Amino acid sequence: MKNIEKYIDQTLLKQDATGKDIIDFCEDAKKFNFYAVCVQPCRVLDAVESLKDSEVKVAAVVGFPCGSTFTEVKTLEAKICLDIGADEIDMVINIGALKEKNPGLVKSDIREIAQLTKKYGAVLKVIIETGLLTEEEKVIACKTAVEAGADFVKTSTGMTKNSAPATAEDVKLMFDTVNYSGVKVKASGGIRDYETAKAMLDAGAERIGTSSGVEIVLKSASKSIEY
């Protein structure tokens, strides 16, 4: 059993976030003992330095938020983040390739970064952007991520106009699709309160991506809930 904070990736991905914002954000992460923080690549070093005396992990987003850049660019971005201390990579798939029924390109895109993260002993989370996919495409995306070597599949970026909030139904579908393989599910996008976070965990999520981790933890403490 773990307290809810150990499921939380506290997230700060705003375009206007400053170095000071990151430092203050990391202080909260240490205080509340979140599993990880999730930041933009250019803020990885700020987060690593701020968290060096803590157990909080640092996750960096890659190919974010659209996922439509070149595999070589995503791989280089991931390598730079890992070289400066990131523990985890949250990458966005090539959604257009999936929509045009080219899972081979999606798989090769993921595999390149999966091979890299394994060399570093890091974790790879693959964002499939559920709001843009049919149910069949969600299943294909999850199976492709498993075959390519991902450690997690993740619902959404929460950062684009078409990025729908995470739903318990999507989390359950993803969990049922990947659970046989040991790959886990991260729910992200629109999770702003304890009740929503709990619904995601109950549906099978192993990690919660949210910018409202403090509020969620404080509410869970009032309910004395563990998972």
C-alpha atoms as a PDB file:
ATOM      1  CA  MET A   1       0.000   0.000   0.000  1.00  0.00           C
ATOM      2  CA  LYS A   2       1.264   3.480  -0.898  1.00  0.00           C
ATOM      3  CA  ASN A   3       0.014   6.903   0.029  1.00  0.00           C
ATOM      4  CA  ILE A   4      -1.478   8.741  -2.914  1.00  0.00           C
ATOM      5  CA  GLU A   5       1.465  11.173  -3.234  1.00  0.00           C
ATOM      6  CA  LYS A   6       3.687   8.299  -4.388  1.00  0.00           C
ATOM      7  CA  TYR A   7       1.508   7.950  -7.487  1.00  0.00           C
ATOM      8  CA  ILE A   8       1.791  11.609  -8.457  1.00  0.00           C
ATOM      9  CA  ASP A   9       3.962  13.172 -11.155  1.00  0.00           C
ATOM     10  CA  GLN A  10       3.596  16.826 -10.177  1.00  0.00           C
ATOM     11  CA  THR A  11       3.624  18.747 -13.448  1.00  0.00           C
ATOM     12  CA  LEU A  12       4.748  22.204 -14.543  1.00  0.00           C
ATOM     13  CA  LEU A  13       4.746  22.509 -18.321  1.00  0.00           C
ATOM     14  CA  LYS A  14       3.548  26.080 -18.814  1.00  0.00           C
ATOM     15  CA  GLN A  15       5.377  27.964 -21.561  1.00  0.00           C
ATOM     16  CA  ASP A  16       6.024  30.931 -19.294  1.00  0.00           C
ATOM     17  CA  ALA A  17       7.445  28.969 -16.352  1.00  0.00           C
ATOM     18  CA  THR A  18      10.657  30.560 -15.062  1.00  0.00           C
ATOM     19  CA  GLY A  19      13.608  29.074 -13.232  1.00  0.00           C
ATOM     20  CA  LYS A  20      12.237  30.455  -9.979  1.00  0.00           C
ATOM     21  CA  ASP A  21       8.862  28.840 -10.716  1.00  0.00           C
ATOM     22  CA  ILE A  22      10.610  25.496 -11.124  1.00  0.00           C
ATOM     23  CA  ILE A  23      12.559  25.884  -7.877  1.00  0.00           C
ATOM     24  CA  ASP A  24       9.408  26.761  -5.917  1.00  0.00           C
ATOM     25  CA  PHE A  25       7.560  23.897  -7.605  1.00  0.00           C
ATOM     26  CA  CYS A  26      10.324  21.463  -6.644  1.00  0.00           C
ATOM     27  CA  GLU A  27      10.194  22.645  -3.042  1.00  0.00           C
ATOM     28  CA  ASP A  28       6.527  21.617  -2.986  1.00  0.00           C
ATOM     29  CA  ALA A  29       7.456  18.266  -4.554  1.00  0.00           C
ATOM     30  CA  LYS A  30       9.967  17.626  -1.768  1.00  0.00           C
ATOM     31  CA  LYS A  31       7.588  18.793   0.944  1.00  0.00           C
ATOM     32  CA  PHE A  32       4.779  16.533  -0.231  1.00  0.00           C
ATOM     33  CA  ASN A  33       7.052  13.656  -1.272  1.00  0.00           C
ATOM     34  CA  PHE A  34       5.671  13.219  -4.784  1.00  0.00           C
ATOM     35  CA  TYR A  35       7.003  10.369  -6.891  1.00  0.00           C
ATOM     36  CA  ALA A  36       8.256  12.709  -9.619  1.00  0.00           C
ATOM     37  CA  VAL A  37       8.083  16.126 -11.193  1.00  0.00           C
ATOM     38  CA  CYS A  38       7.451  16.533 -14.920  1.00  0.00           C
ATOM     39  CA  VAL A  39       9.011  19.534 -16.698  1.00  0.00           C
ATOM     40  CA  GLN A  40       9.966  20.890 -20.103  1.00  0.00           C
ATOM     41  CA  PRO A  41      13.431  19.850 -21.384  1.00  0.00           C
ATOM     42  CA  CYS A  42      14.989  23.270 -20.822  1.00  0.00           C
ATOM     43  CA  ARG A  43      14.000  23.070 -17.126  1.00  0.00           C
ATOM     44  CA  VAL A  44      15.398  19.600 -16.415  1.00  0.00           C
ATOM     45  CA  LEU A  45      18.672  20.883 -14.982  1.00  0.00           C
ATOM     46  CA  ASP A  46      16.844  23.340 -12.705  1.00  0.00           C
ATOM     47  CA  ALA A  47      14.710  20.473 -11.399  1.00  0.00           C
ATOM     48  CA  VAL A  48      17.645  18.067 -11.024  1.00  0.00           C
ATOM     49  CA  GLU A  49      19.627  20.592  -9.014  1.00  0.00           C
ATOM     50  CA  SER A  50      16.632  21.510  -6.861  1.00  0.00           C
ATOM     51  CA  LEU A  51      15.840  17.870  -6.081  1.00  0.00           C
ATOM     52  CA  LYS A  52      19.359  16.444  -5.719  1.00  0.00           C
ATOM     53  CA  ASP A  53      18.984  15.789  -1.987  1.00  0.00           C
ATOM     54  CA  SER A  54      15.556  14.163  -2.308  1.00  0.00           C
ATOM     55  CA  GLU A  55      13.992  10.952  -3.614  1.00  0.00           C
ATOM     56  CA  VAL A  56      11.753  12.813  -6.078  1.00  0.00           C
ATOM     57  CA  LYS A  57      12.409  11.767  -9.680  1.00  0.00           C
ATOM     58  CA  VAL A  58      12.648  14.136 -12.648  1.00  0.00           C
ATOM     59  CA  ALA A  59      10.651  13.429 -15.809  1.00  0.00           C
ATOM     60  CA  ALA A  60      11.118  15.371 -19.046  1.00  0.00           C
ATOM     61  CA  VAL A  61       8.636  15.665 -21.904  1.00  0.00           C
ATOM     62  CA  VAL A  62       9.891  14.915 -25.421  1.00  0.00           C
ATOM     63  CA  GLY A  63       8.274  15.706 -28.779  1.00  0.00           C
ATOM     64  CA  PHE A  64       5.841  17.719 -26.721  1.00  0.00           C
ATOM     65  CA  PRO A  65       2.993  18.429 -27.168  1.00  0.00           C
ATOM     66  CA  CYS A  66       2.296  17.392 -30.785  1.00  0.00           C
ATOM     67  CA  GLY A  67       4.593  14.385 -31.302  1.00  0.00           C
ATOM     68  CA  SER A  68       5.041  15.230 -34.978  1.00  0.00           C
ATOM     69  CA  THR A  69       8.747  15.965 -35.168  1.00  0.00           C
ATOM     70  CA  PHE A  70      11.445  13.619 -36.509  1.00  0.00           C
ATOM     71  CA  THR A  71      12.435  10.521 -34.556  1.00  0.00           C
ATOM     72  CA  GLU A  72      16.048  11.740 -34.608  1.00  0.00           C
ATOM     73  CA  VAL A  73      14.995  15.004 -32.975  1.00  0.00           C
ATOM     74  CA  LYS A  74      12.995  13.241 -30.260  1.00  0.00           C
ATOM     75  CA  THR A  75      15.902  10.906 -29.596  1.00  0.00           C
ATOM     76  CA  LEU A  76      18.400  13.749 -29.329  1.00  0.00           C
ATOM     77  CA  GLU A  77      16.054  15.677 -27.049  1.00  0.00           C
ATOM     78  CA  ALA A  78      15.678  12.627 -24.822  1.00  0.00           C
ATOM     79  CA  LYS A  79      19.434  12.012 -24.741  1.00  0.00           C
ATOM     80  CA  ILE A  80      20.205  15.576 -23.675  1.00  0.00           C
ATOM     81  CA  CYS A  81      17.620  15.339 -20.897  1.00  0.00           C
ATOM     82  CA  LEU A  82      19.019  12.008 -19.703  1.00  0.00           C
ATOM     83  CA  ASP A  83      22.591  13.299 -19.856  1.00  0.00           C
ATOM     84  CA  ILE A  84      21.746  16.175 -17.510  1.00  0.00           C
ATOM     85  CA  GLY A  85      19.950  13.995 -15.018  1.00  0.00           C
ATOM     86  CA  ALA A  86      16.370  13.175 -16.060  1.00  0.00           C
ATOM     87  CA  ASP A  87      15.145   9.867 -14.626  1.00  0.00           C
ATOM     88  CA  GLU A  88      12.124   9.489 -16.884  1.00  0.00           C
ATOM     89  CA  ILE A  89      11.024  10.505 -20.372  1.00  0.00           C
ATOM     90  CA  ASP A  90       7.406  11.220 -21.334  1.00  0.00           C
ATOM     91  CA  MET A  91       7.300  11.172 -25.147  1.00  0.00           C
ATOM     92  CA  VAL A  92       4.406  11.907 -27.504  1.00  0.00           C
ATOM     93  CA  ILE A  93       3.765   9.402 -30.282  1.00  0.00           C
ATOM     94  CA  ASN A  94       3.464  10.327 -33.947  1.00  0.00           C
ATOM     95  CA  ILE A  95      -0.321  10.577 -33.825  1.00  0.00           C
ATOM     96  CA  GLY A  96      -0.729  11.297 -37.537  1.00  0.00           C
ATOM     97  CA  ALA A  97       1.144   8.115 -38.418  1.00  0.00           C
ATOM     98  CA  LEU A  98      -1.160   6.120 -36.172  1.00  0.00           C
ATOM     99  CA  LYS A  99      -4.257   7.719 -37.714  1.00  0.00           C
ATOM    100  CA  GLU A 100      -3.091   6.851 -41.226  1.00  0.00           C
ATOM    101  CA  LYS A 101      -2.587   3.235 -40.157  1.00  0.00           C
ATOM    102  CA  ASN A 102       1.200   3.271 -40.077  1.00  0.00           C
ATOM    103  CA  PRO A 103       1.946   1.643 -36.712  1.00  0.00           C
ATOM    104  CA  GLY A 104       5.381   0.640 -37.996  1.00  0.00           C
ATOM    105  CA  LEU A 105       6.482   4.275 -37.932  1.00  0.00           C
ATOM    106  CA  VAL A 106       4.920   4.765 -34.511  1.00  0.00           C
ATOM    107  CA  LYS A 107       6.751   1.687 -33.245  1.00  0.00           C
ATOM    108  CA  SER A 108      10.141   2.691 -34.634  1.00  0.00           C
ATOM    109  CA  ASP A 109       9.694   6.177 -33.153  1.00  0.00           C
ATOM    110  CA  ILE A 110       9.064   4.709 -29.697  1.00  0.00           C
ATOM    111  CA  ARG A 111      11.685   1.983 -30.016  1.00  0.00           C
ATOM    112  CA  GLU A 112      14.529   4.425 -30.629  1.00  0.00           C
ATOM    113  CA  ILE A 113      13.811   6.217 -27.370  1.00  0.00           C
ATOM    114  CA  ALA A 114      13.060   2.990 -25.495  1.00  0.00           C
ATOM    115  CA  GLN A 115      16.486   1.639 -26.409  1.00  0.00           C
ATOM    116  CA  LEU A 116      18.034   4.878 -25.200  1.00  0.00           C
ATOM    117  CA  THR A 117      16.172   4.981 -21.887  1.00  0.00           C
ATOM    118  CA  LYS A 118      17.114   1.382 -21.165  1.00  0.00           C
ATOM    119  CA  LYS A 119      20.803   2.266 -21.598  1.00  0.00           C
ATOM    120  CA  TYR A 120      20.382   4.961 -18.959  1.00  0.00           C
ATOM    121  CA  GLY A 121      18.261   2.835 -16.639  1.00  0.00           C
ATOM    122  CA  ALA A 122      15.465   5.364 -17.148  1.00  0.00           C
ATOM    123  CA  VAL A 123      11.697   4.982 -17.518  1.00  0.00           C
ATOM    124  CA  LEU A 124       9.834   5.676 -20.771  1.00  0.00           C
ATOM    125  CA  LYS A 125       6.205   6.815 -20.746  1.00  0.00           C
ATOM    126  CA  VAL A 126       4.453   7.005 -24.112  1.00  0.00           C
ATOM    127  CA  ILE A 127       1.700   9.622 -24.535  1.00  0.00           C
ATOM    128  CA  ILE A 128      -0.961   8.447 -26.975  1.00  0.00           C
ATOM    129  CA  GLU A 129      -3.324  11.496 -26.765  1.00  0.00           C
ATOM    130  CA  THR A 130      -6.579   9.602 -26.256  1.00  0.00           C
ATOM    131  CA  GLY A 131      -8.747  12.598 -27.202  1.00  0.00           C
ATOM    132  CA  LEU A 132      -7.653  12.234 -30.831  1.00  0.00           C
ATOM    133  CA  LEU A 133      -8.106   8.472 -31.099  1.00  0.00           C
ATOM    134  CA  THR A 134     -10.931   6.014 -31.605  1.00  0.00           C
ATOM    135  CA  GLU A 135     -11.210   3.115 -29.173  1.00  0.00           C
ATOM    136  CA  GLU A 136      -9.593   0.816 -31.744  1.00  0.00           C
ATOM    137  CA  GLU A 137      -6.729   3.267 -32.234  1.00  0.00           C
ATOM    138  CA  LYS A 138      -6.177   3.516 -28.475  1.00  0.00           C
ATOM    139  CA  VAL A 139      -5.757  -0.256 -28.326  1.00  0.00           C
ATOM    140  CA  ILE A 140      -3.396  -0.250 -31.319  1.00  0.00           C
ATOM    141  CA  ALA A 141      -1.353   2.587 -29.792  1.00  0.00           C
ATOM    142  CA  CYS A 142      -1.025   0.742 -26.484  1.00  0.00           C
ATOM    143  CA  LYS A 143      -0.064  -2.556 -28.098  1.00  0.00           C
ATOM    144  CA  THR A 144       2.462  -0.768 -30.299  1.00  0.00           C
ATOM    145  CA  ALA A 145       4.023   0.902 -27.253  1.00  0.00           C
ATOM    146  CA  VAL A 146       4.333  -2.480 -25.528  1.00  0.00           C
ATOM    147  CA  GLU A 147       5.995  -4.034 -28.598  1.00  0.00           C
ATOM    148  CA  ALA A 148       8.404  -1.088 -28.858  1.00  0.00           C
ATOM    149  CA  GLY A 149       9.626  -1.397 -25.264  1.00  0.00           C
ATOM    150  CA  ALA A 150       7.762   1.331 -23.361  1.00  0.00           C
ATOM    151  CA  ASP A 151       7.371   1.159 -19.589  1.00  0.00           C
ATOM    152  CA  PHE A 152       4.120   3.157 -19.426  1.00  0.00           C
ATOM    153  CA  VAL A 153       1.346   4.295 -21.719  1.00  0.00           C
ATOM    154  CA  LYS A 154      -0.065   7.711 -20.866  1.00  0.00           C
ATOM    155  CA  THR A 155      -3.444   9.191 -21.739  1.00  0.00           C
ATOM    156  CA  SER A 156      -2.701  12.718 -22.901  1.00  0.00           C
ATOM    157  CA  THR A 157      -0.567  15.838 -22.885  1.00  0.00           C
ATOM    158  CA  GLY A 158      -3.276  18.080 -21.502  1.00  0.00           C
ATOM    159  CA  MET A 159      -1.703  20.902 -23.510  1.00  0.00           C
ATOM    160  CA  THR A 160      -3.435  21.135 -26.897  1.00  0.00           C
ATOM    161  CA  LYS A 161      -6.902  22.218 -28.013  1.00  0.00           C
ATOM    162  CA  ASN A 162      -7.805  18.636 -28.858  1.00  0.00           C
ATOM    163  CA  SER A 163      -6.272  17.128 -25.732  1.00  0.00           C
ATOM    164  CA  ALA A 164      -9.263  15.687 -23.904  1.00  0.00           C
ATOM    165  CA  PRO A 165      -9.125  15.174 -20.125  1.00  0.00           C
ATOM    166  CA  ALA A 166      -8.245  11.704 -18.930  1.00  0.00           C
ATOM    167  CA  THR A 167     -11.224   9.454 -18.268  1.00  0.00           C
ATOM    168  CA  ALA A 168     -11.524   6.397 -16.078  1.00  0.00           C
ATOM    169  CA  GLU A 169     -12.930   4.541 -19.092  1.00  0.00           C
ATOM    170  CA  ASP A 170      -9.795   5.220 -21.148  1.00  0.00           C
ATOM    171  CA  VAL A 171      -7.549   4.272 -18.257  1.00  0.00           C
ATOM    172  CA  LYS A 172      -9.424   0.978 -17.832  1.00  0.00           C
ATOM    173  CA  LEU A 173      -9.185   0.256 -21.574  1.00  0.00           C
ATOM    174  CA  MET A 174      -5.466   0.987 -21.566  1.00  0.00           C
ATOM    175  CA  PHE A 175      -4.891  -1.050 -18.403  1.00  0.00           C
ATOM    176  CA  ASP A 176      -6.756  -4.037 -19.824  1.00  0.00           C
ATOM    177  CA  THR A 177      -4.750  -3.746 -23.056  1.00  0.00           C
ATOM    178  CA  VAL A 178      -1.255  -3.622 -21.520  1.00  0.00           C
ATOM    179  CA  ASN A 179      -1.559  -5.306 -18.139  1.00  0.00           C
ATOM    180  CA  TYR A 180      -0.484  -8.712 -19.474  1.00  0.00           C
ATOM    181  CA  SER A 181       2.891  -7.227 -20.426  1.00  0.00           C
ATOM    182  CA  GLY A 182       3.773  -5.464 -17.185  1.00  0.00           C
ATOM    183  CA  VAL A 183       3.522  -2.065 -18.885  1.00  0.00           C
ATOM    184  CA  LYS A 184       1.726   0.444 -16.662  1.00  0.00           C
ATOM    185  CA  VAL A 185      -0.705   3.296 -17.227  1.00  0.00           C
ATOM    186  CA  LYS A 186      -0.278   6.980 -16.436  1.00  0.00           C
ATOM    187  CA  ALA A 187      -3.421   9.125 -16.342  1.00  0.00           C
ATOM    188  CA  SER A 188      -2.867  12.756 -17.267  1.00  0.00           C
ATOM    189  CA  GLY A 189      -4.973  15.697 -18.380  1.00  0.00           C
ATOM    190  CA  GLY A 190      -7.659  17.480 -16.369  1.00  0.00           C
ATOM    191  CA  ILE A 191      -6.964  15.692 -13.069  1.00  0.00           C
ATOM    192  CA  ARG A 192      -7.437  18.534 -10.608  1.00  0.00           C
ATOM    193  CA  ASP A 193      -9.060  16.996  -7.533  1.00  0.00           C
ATOM    194  CA  TYR A 194      -8.844  14.010  -5.236  1.00  0.00           C
ATOM    195  CA  GLU A 195     -12.025  12.347  -6.505  1.00  0.00           C
ATOM    196  CA  THR A 196     -10.801  12.336 -10.111  1.00  0.00           C
ATOM    197  CA  ALA A 197      -7.359  11.066  -9.101  1.00  0.00           C
ATOM    198  CA  LYS A 198      -8.929   8.259  -7.067  1.00  0.00           C
ATOM    199  CA  ALA A 199     -11.116   7.276 -10.026  1.00  0.00           C
ATOM    200  CA  MET A 200      -8.002   6.962 -12.208  1.00  0.00           C
ATOM    201  CA  LEU A 201      -6.215   4.802  -9.646  1.00  0.00           C
ATOM    202  CA  ASP A 202      -9.300   2.627  -9.216  1.00  0.00           C
ATOM    203  CA  ALA A 203      -9.394   2.162 -13.012  1.00  0.00           C
ATOM    204  CA  GLY A 204      -5.820   0.880 -13.056  1.00  0.00           C
ATOM    205  CA  ALA A 205      -3.511   3.896 -13.297  1.00  0.00           C
ATOM    206  CA  GLU A 206      -0.131   3.506 -11.621  1.00  0.00           C
ATOM    207  CA  ARG A 207       0.820   7.158 -12.029  1.00  0.00           C
ATOM    208  CA  ILE A 208      -1.143  10.439 -12.035  1.00  0.00           C
ATOM    209  CA  GLY A 209       0.109  13.452 -13.988  1.00  0.00           C
ATOM    210  CA  THR A 210      -1.279  16.647 -12.503  1.00  0.00           C
ATOM    211  CA  SER A 211      -0.467  20.235 -11.648  1.00  0.00           C
ATOM    212  CA  SER A 212      -2.802  19.930  -8.635  1.00  0.00           C
ATOM    213  CA  GLY A 213      -0.846  17.386  -6.618  1.00  0.00           C
ATOM    214  CA  VAL A 214      -0.773  19.507  -3.467  1.00  0.00           C
ATOM    215  CA  GLU A 215      -4.552  19.868  -3.397  1.00  0.00           C
ATOM    216  CA  ILE A 216      -5.024  16.150  -4.097  1.00  0.00           C
ATOM    217  CA  VAL A 217      -2.668  15.084  -1.318  1.00  0.00           C
ATOM    218  CA  LEU A 218      -4.219  17.444   1.216  1.00  0.00           C
ATOM    219  CA  LYS A 219      -7.689  16.115   0.390  1.00  0.00           C
ATOM    220  CA  SER A 220      -6.523  12.502   0.590  1.00  0.00           C
ATOM    221  CA  ALA A 221      -4.960  13.153   4.004  1.00  0.00           C
ATOM    222  CA  SER A 222      -8.315  14.357   5.298  1.00  0.00           C
ATOM    223  CA  LYS A 223      -9.763  11.016   4.189  1.00  0.00           C
ATOM    224  CA  SER A 224      -6.858   8.869   5.478  1.00  0.00           C
ATOM    225  CA  ILE A 225      -6.707   6.965   2.179  1.00  0.00           C
ATOM    226  CA  GLU A 226      -3.901   4.661   1.003  1.00  0.00           C
ATOM    227  CA  TYR A 227      -3.631   2.581  -2.175  1.00  0.00           C
END
